[in-house]
Amino acid sequence: MKTVFFYRHVNRFGVWTIAPIGDFWEIAHTDETLGQYKNLVGAHEDFVRGFCFHTSNGMDPSDCELPDDLADWEQVRIAHL
């Protein structure tokens, strides 16, 4: 069996997620998609560096105190296949 997770970080700027959607990893702020990536590491690295779309209200993710280490994000189980 395989367990599927998404990653979440909550801070004063809102809820940030990196989640598997089909064959991609989607990065988002609250319910706003900021990009899709083929792998988790690339999604995380671009997210924390701000190399992605900014939020509709202009927030740059690189200015929002996102953890550089994915291990510091909350891992949330979404399925047990």
Protein backbone atom coordinates (compact mmCIF):
# COMPACT_ATOMS: atom_id res chain seq x y z
CA MET A 1 0.00 0.00 0.00
CA LYS A 2 1.05 3.55 -0.70
CA THR A 3 0.14 6.59 1.37
CA VAL A 4 -0.36 9.89 -0.49
CA PHE A 5 0.35 13.18 1.25
CA PHE A 6 0.11 16.87 0.58
CA TYR A 7 2.16 19.49 2.38
CA ARG A 8 0.77 22.49 4.24
CA HIS A 9 2.26 25.49 5.99
CA VAL A 10 0.10 27.94 7.91
CA ASN A 11 1.45 31.31 8.97
CA ARG A 12 0.34 34.92 9.37
CA PHE A 13 0.17 35.21 5.56
CA GLY A 14 -2.32 32.37 5.17
CA VAL A 15 -2.39 28.71 4.18
CA TRP A 16 0.22 27.47 1.69
CA THR A 17 0.01 24.02 0.11
CA ILE A 18 1.90 21.70 -2.20
CA ALA A 19 -0.44 18.93 -3.32
CA PRO A 20 -0.42 16.11 -5.87
CA ILE A 21 -3.02 16.77 -8.56
CA GLY A 22 -3.00 14.06 -11.23
CA ASP A 23 0.55 13.84 -12.58
CA PHE A 24 1.60 17.21 -11.15
CA TRP A 25 2.36 18.93 -7.85
CA GLU A 26 0.25 22.05 -7.45
CA ILE A 27 1.39 24.95 -5.30
CA ALA A 28 -1.29 27.19 -3.85
CA HIS A 29 -2.10 29.93 -1.38
CA THR A 30 -5.47 29.34 0.26
CA ASP A 31 -7.57 28.30 -2.80
CA GLU A 32 -5.48 30.11 -5.41
CA THR A 33 -3.23 27.99 -7.64
CA LEU A 34 0.20 29.52 -8.17
CA GLY A 35 1.74 26.85 -10.39
CA GLN A 36 2.07 23.16 -11.28
CA TYR A 37 5.25 21.10 -11.38
CA LYS A 38 6.31 17.61 -12.44
CA ASN A 39 8.07 16.89 -9.13
CA LEU A 40 7.75 17.79 -5.48
CA VAL A 41 11.28 19.11 -5.03
CA GLY A 42 10.99 21.54 -7.95
CA ALA A 43 7.60 22.73 -6.73
CA HIS A 44 8.90 23.36 -3.22
CA GLU A 45 12.10 25.10 -4.33
CA ASP A 46 10.32 27.45 -6.73
CA PHE A 47 7.59 28.15 -4.16
CA VAL A 48 9.90 29.28 -1.35
CA ARG A 49 12.06 31.31 -3.76
CA GLY A 50 9.05 33.03 -5.33
CA PHE A 51 9.78 31.61 -8.81
CA CYS A 52 6.06 31.13 -9.40
CA PHE A 53 2.94 33.23 -9.82
CA HIS A 54 2.27 35.66 -7.00
CA THR A 55 -1.06 35.76 -5.21
CA SER A 56 -3.88 37.84 -6.71
CA ASN A 57 -3.29 40.48 -4.02
CA GLY A 58 0.39 40.73 -4.99
CA MET A 59 2.10 38.68 -2.28
CA ASP A 60 5.42 37.18 -3.35
CA PRO A 61 5.78 33.76 -1.68
CA SER A 62 9.51 34.41 -1.15
CA ASP A 63 8.54 37.23 1.26
CA CYS A 64 6.09 35.09 3.25
CA GLU A 65 8.35 33.13 5.59
CA LEU A 66 7.88 29.73 3.91
CA PRO A 67 10.20 27.06 5.35
CA ASP A 68 13.20 26.25 3.15
CA ASP A 69 13.16 22.66 4.38
CA LEU A 70 10.18 20.59 3.26
CA ALA A 71 10.50 18.60 6.50
CA ASP A 72 9.30 21.75 8.32
CA TRP A 73 5.99 21.68 6.44
CA GLU A 74 3.05 19.74 7.88
CA GLN A 75 2.57 16.47 5.99
CA VAL A 76 -1.15 15.67 5.62
CA ARG A 77 -2.36 12.25 4.53
CA ILE A 78 -5.00 12.36 1.81
CA ALA A 79 -5.18 8.75 0.66
CA HIS A 80 -4.00 5.26 1.44
CA LEU A 81 -3.81 3.37 -1.84
